Amino acid sequence: MSKTLLDHYAELFDPQQSILASKYKFLPLNVIINIQKLGTLFVMFFMMVYFNNFSLGCWVYLALHGNYGIEFIKTNNNRSGLGAKRYSVS
């Protein structure tokens, strides 16, 4: 029986068998994502300084994405406690 597209998709994102899974377990994937999300705040501000562009659009983008990154990390830290294990699917 041939695999459907959904089967291929599920196999790709299976954390145990995926080719996307890291062979090096020095950082969990959620930490890498958190660094990237929070890094947007600093990268955007650096770009504003580098290009000397402090327009309203840049400040709005910085505020929205910087705030999103901070809130994402706060939310993720709240979920990383014992309550997260209660809702995990395994």
N, C-alpha and C. Protein backbone atom coordinates (compact mmCIF):
# COMPACT_ATOMS: atom_id res chain seq x y z
N MET A 1 0.84 -1.18 0.00
CA MET A 1 0.00 0.00 0.00
C MET A 1 0.89 1.24 0.00
N SER A 2 0.58 2.16 -0.85
CA SER A 2 1.39 3.37 -0.96
C SER A 2 1.03 4.37 0.13
N LYS A 3 2.02 5.14 0.54
CA LYS A 3 1.81 6.12 1.60
C LYS A 3 1.12 7.36 1.05
N THR A 4 0.25 7.91 1.85
CA THR A 4 -0.41 9.15 1.46
C THR A 4 0.49 10.33 1.83
N LEU A 5 0.11 11.49 1.37
CA LEU A 5 0.86 12.70 1.68
C LEU A 5 0.85 12.97 3.19
N LEU A 6 -0.26 12.67 3.83
CA LEU A 6 -0.35 12.86 5.27
C LEU A 6 0.59 11.93 6.02
N ASP A 7 0.76 10.71 5.52
CA ASP A 7 1.70 9.77 6.14
C ASP A 7 3.14 10.27 6.02
N HIS A 8 3.49 10.80 4.86
CA HIS A 8 4.83 11.36 4.67
C HIS A 8 5.05 12.56 5.59
N TYR A 9 4.05 13.39 5.71
CA TYR A 9 4.13 14.57 6.57
C TYR A 9 4.31 14.16 8.03
N ALA A 10 3.53 13.20 8.48
CA ALA A 10 3.63 12.73 9.87
C ALA A 10 4.99 12.08 10.12
N GLU A 11 5.51 11.35 9.15
CA GLU A 11 6.80 10.71 9.30
C GLU A 11 7.93 11.75 9.37
N LEU A 12 7.79 12.81 8.61
CA LEU A 12 8.80 13.86 8.59
C LEU A 12 8.91 14.55 9.94
N PHE A 13 7.79 14.78 10.59
CA PHE A 13 7.79 15.52 11.84
C PHE A 13 7.70 14.64 13.08
N ASP A 14 7.91 13.35 12.92
CA ASP A 14 7.96 12.46 14.07
C ASP A 14 9.30 12.68 14.78
N PRO A 15 9.29 13.10 16.04
CA PRO A 15 10.55 13.44 16.70
C PRO A 15 11.48 12.25 16.89
N GLN A 16 10.98 11.05 16.85
CA GLN A 16 11.83 9.88 17.05
C GLN A 16 12.55 9.44 15.77
N GLN A 17 11.92 9.63 14.61
CA GLN A 17 12.45 9.07 13.37
C GLN A 17 12.76 10.11 12.31
N SER A 18 12.51 11.36 12.57
CA SER A 18 12.60 12.38 11.54
C SER A 18 14.04 12.63 11.09
N ILE A 19 14.18 12.93 9.81
CA ILE A 19 15.49 13.34 9.31
C ILE A 19 15.80 14.77 9.76
N LEU A 20 14.77 15.50 10.20
CA LEU A 20 14.97 16.85 10.69
C LEU A 20 15.44 16.88 12.14
N ALA A 21 15.32 15.77 12.84
CA ALA A 21 15.70 15.73 14.24
C ALA A 21 17.21 15.88 14.37
N SER A 22 17.63 16.61 15.37
CA SER A 22 19.04 16.84 15.58
C SER A 22 19.70 15.60 16.16
N LYS A 23 20.87 15.30 15.66
CA LYS A 23 21.64 14.20 16.22
C LYS A 23 22.35 14.64 17.49
N TYR A 24 22.51 15.93 17.64
CA TYR A 24 23.19 16.47 18.80
C TYR A 24 22.15 17.03 19.75
N LYS A 25 22.09 16.52 20.94
CA LYS A 25 21.03 16.88 21.89
C LYS A 25 21.51 17.92 22.90
N PHE A 26 22.31 18.90 22.45
CA PHE A 26 22.81 19.89 23.38
C PHE A 26 21.78 20.96 23.71
N LEU A 27 20.84 21.20 22.82
CA LEU A 27 19.77 22.17 23.08
C LEU A 27 18.45 21.60 22.57
N PRO A 28 17.43 21.66 23.39
CA PRO A 28 16.11 21.25 22.89
C PRO A 28 15.60 22.24 21.84
N LEU A 29 14.73 21.77 21.00
CA LEU A 29 14.23 22.60 19.91
C LEU A 29 13.50 23.84 20.42
N ASN A 30 12.79 23.74 21.54
CA ASN A 30 12.06 24.91 22.03
C ASN A 30 13.02 26.02 22.47
N VAL A 31 14.21 25.68 22.94
CA VAL A 31 15.19 26.69 23.33
C VAL A 31 15.72 27.41 22.09
N ILE A 32 15.97 26.68 21.04
CA ILE A 32 16.44 27.28 19.79
C ILE A 32 15.39 28.23 19.23
N ILE A 33 14.14 27.83 19.27
CA ILE A 33 13.05 28.69 18.78
C ILE A 33 12.93 29.94 19.65
N ASN A 34 13.06 29.79 20.96
CA ASN A 34 12.99 30.94 21.86
C ASN A 34 14.11 31.93 21.59
N ILE A 35 15.31 31.43 21.35
CA ILE A 35 16.44 32.32 21.04
C ILE A 35 16.15 33.10 19.76
N GLN A 36 15.61 32.43 18.76
CA GLN A 36 15.30 33.11 17.50
C GLN A 36 14.21 34.15 17.68
N LYS A 37 13.19 33.83 18.44
CA LYS A 37 12.08 34.77 18.62
C LYS A 37 12.51 35.99 19.42
N LEU A 38 13.30 35.79 20.46
CA LEU A 38 13.79 36.92 21.24
C LEU A 38 14.86 37.70 20.46
N GLY A 39 15.63 36.98 19.64
CA GLY A 39 16.66 37.63 18.85
C GLY A 39 16.11 38.62 17.85
N THR A 40 14.87 38.46 17.44
CA THR A 40 14.24 39.39 16.50
C THR A 40 14.25 40.81 17.06
N LEU A 41 14.03 40.94 18.35
CA LEU A 41 14.03 42.25 19.00
C LEU A 41 15.38 42.94 18.81
N PHE A 42 16.46 42.22 19.08
CA PHE A 42 17.79 42.82 19.00
C PHE A 42 18.25 43.03 17.56
N VAL A 43 17.94 42.08 16.69
CA VAL A 43 18.33 42.22 15.28
C VAL A 43 17.61 43.40 14.64
N MET A 44 16.33 43.55 14.93
CA MET A 44 15.57 44.66 14.36
C MET A 44 16.11 46.00 14.85
N PHE A 45 16.42 46.10 16.14
CA PHE A 45 16.96 47.36 16.65
C PHE A 45 18.34 47.64 16.05
N PHE A 46 19.17 46.61 15.90
CA PHE A 46 20.47 46.79 15.25
C PHE A 46 20.31 47.29 13.82
N MET A 47 19.33 46.73 13.11
CA MET A 47 19.11 47.18 11.73
C MET A 47 18.61 48.61 11.68
N MET A 48 17.80 49.00 12.65
CA MET A 48 17.34 50.40 12.70
C MET A 48 18.52 51.34 12.90
N VAL A 49 19.44 50.98 13.77
CA VAL A 49 20.62 51.81 14.02
C VAL A 49 21.54 51.80 12.81
N TYR A 50 21.79 50.62 12.24
CA TYR A 50 22.71 50.48 11.12
C TYR A 50 22.25 51.28 9.90
N PHE A 51 20.95 51.20 9.59
CA PHE A 51 20.42 51.91 8.43
C PHE A 51 19.91 53.31 8.78
N ASN A 52 20.04 53.69 10.04
CA ASN A 52 19.60 55.01 10.52
C ASN A 52 18.15 55.28 10.09
N ASN A 53 17.30 54.31 10.34
CA ASN A 53 15.90 54.42 9.98
C ASN A 53 15.06 54.21 11.24
N PHE A 54 14.55 55.30 11.77
CA PHE A 54 13.74 55.25 12.98
C PHE A 54 12.32 55.73 12.68
N SER A 55 11.81 55.28 11.54
CA SER A 55 10.46 55.68 11.14
C SER A 55 9.42 54.98 12.02
N LEU A 56 8.20 55.45 11.91
CA LEU A 56 7.11 54.88 12.70
C LEU A 56 6.91 53.40 12.37
N GLY A 57 7.03 53.03 11.12
CA GLY A 57 6.87 51.64 10.72
C GLY A 57 7.90 50.73 11.38
N CYS A 58 9.14 51.19 11.48
CA CYS A 58 10.18 50.39 12.13
C CYS A 58 9.90 50.23 13.61
N TRP A 59 9.46 51.31 14.26
CA TRP A 59 9.15 51.22 15.69
C TRP A 59 7.97 50.30 15.95
N VAL A 60 6.96 50.35 15.07
CA VAL A 60 5.80 49.47 15.24
C VAL A 60 6.22 48.02 15.05
N TYR A 61 7.03 47.75 14.02
CA TYR A 61 7.51 46.39 13.78
C TYR A 61 8.33 45.90 14.96
N LEU A 62 9.21 46.75 15.47
CA LEU A 62 10.03 46.39 16.63
C LEU A 62 9.16 46.11 17.85
N ALA A 63 8.18 46.95 18.08
CA ALA A 63 7.31 46.77 19.24
C ALA A 63 6.48 45.49 19.13
N LEU A 64 5.92 45.23 17.97
CA LEU A 64 5.08 44.05 17.80
C LEU A 64 5.89 42.76 17.92
N HIS A 65 6.98 42.67 17.16
CA HIS A 65 7.74 41.44 17.16
C HIS A 65 8.58 41.27 18.41
N GLY A 66 9.08 42.35 18.97
CA GLY A 66 9.80 42.26 20.23
C GLY A 66 8.89 41.82 21.36
N ASN A 67 7.71 42.42 21.43
CA ASN A 67 6.75 42.04 22.46
C ASN A 67 6.29 40.59 22.26
N TYR A 68 6.10 40.18 21.02
CA TYR A 68 5.70 38.81 20.74
C TYR A 68 6.78 37.83 21.22
N GLY A 69 8.04 38.15 20.97
CA GLY A 69 9.12 37.28 21.41
C GLY A 69 9.19 37.16 22.92
N ILE A 70 9.04 38.27 23.60
CA ILE A 70 9.08 38.26 25.07
C ILE A 70 7.90 37.48 25.62
N GLU A 71 6.72 37.72 25.09
CA GLU A 71 5.53 37.00 25.56
C GLU A 71 5.62 35.50 25.25
N PHE A 72 6.19 35.16 24.11
CA PHE A 72 6.35 33.76 23.74
C PHE A 72 7.25 33.05 24.75
N ILE A 73 8.33 33.70 25.15
CA ILE A 73 9.25 33.10 26.11
C ILE A 73 8.59 32.98 27.48
N LYS A 74 7.86 34.01 27.89
CA LYS A 74 7.17 33.92 29.18
C LYS A 74 6.15 32.79 29.17
N THR A 75 5.41 32.65 28.09
CA THR A 75 4.41 31.60 27.98
C THR A 75 5.07 30.22 27.97
N ASN A 76 6.16 30.10 27.23
CA ASN A 76 6.86 28.83 27.15
C ASN A 76 7.45 28.44 28.50
N ASN A 77 7.96 29.40 29.25
CA ASN A 77 8.49 29.10 30.57
C ASN A 77 7.38 28.65 31.52
N ASN A 78 6.19 29.21 31.37
CA ASN A 78 5.07 28.77 32.20
C ASN A 78 4.64 27.35 31.85
N ARG A 79 4.75 26.98 30.59
CA ARG A 79 4.32 25.66 30.15
C ARG A 79 5.37 24.59 30.39
N SER A 80 6.59 24.98 30.70
CA SER A 80 7.65 23.98 30.83
C SER A 80 7.66 23.33 32.21
N GLY A 81 6.74 23.68 33.07
CA GLY A 81 6.68 23.07 34.40
C GLY A 81 6.00 21.73 34.38
N LEU A 82 5.52 21.31 35.50
CA LEU A 82 4.89 20.00 35.61
C LEU A 82 3.56 19.93 34.88
N GLY A 83 2.90 21.06 34.71
CA GLY A 83 1.61 21.05 34.04
C GLY A 83 1.70 20.66 32.58
N ALA A 84 2.86 20.89 31.95
CA ALA A 84 3.01 20.55 30.54
C ALA A 84 2.97 19.04 30.34
N LYS A 85 3.45 18.29 31.29
CA LYS A 85 3.46 16.83 31.14
C LYS A 85 2.05 16.27 31.18
N ARG A 86 1.16 16.96 31.84
CA ARG A 86 -0.21 16.48 31.95
C ARG A 86 -0.90 16.50 30.60
N TYR A 87 -0.54 17.46 29.72
CA TYR A 87 -1.21 17.60 28.43
C TYR A 87 -0.43 16.98 27.28
N SER A 88 0.72 16.40 27.54
CA SER A 88 1.53 15.86 26.45
C SER A 88 0.89 14.60 25.87
N VAL A 89 1.08 14.43 24.59
CA VAL A 89 0.55 13.26 23.90
C VAL A 89 1.71 12.31 23.70
N SER A 90 1.62 11.13 24.28
CA SER A 90 2.72 10.17 24.09
C SER A 90 2.20 8.75 24.02
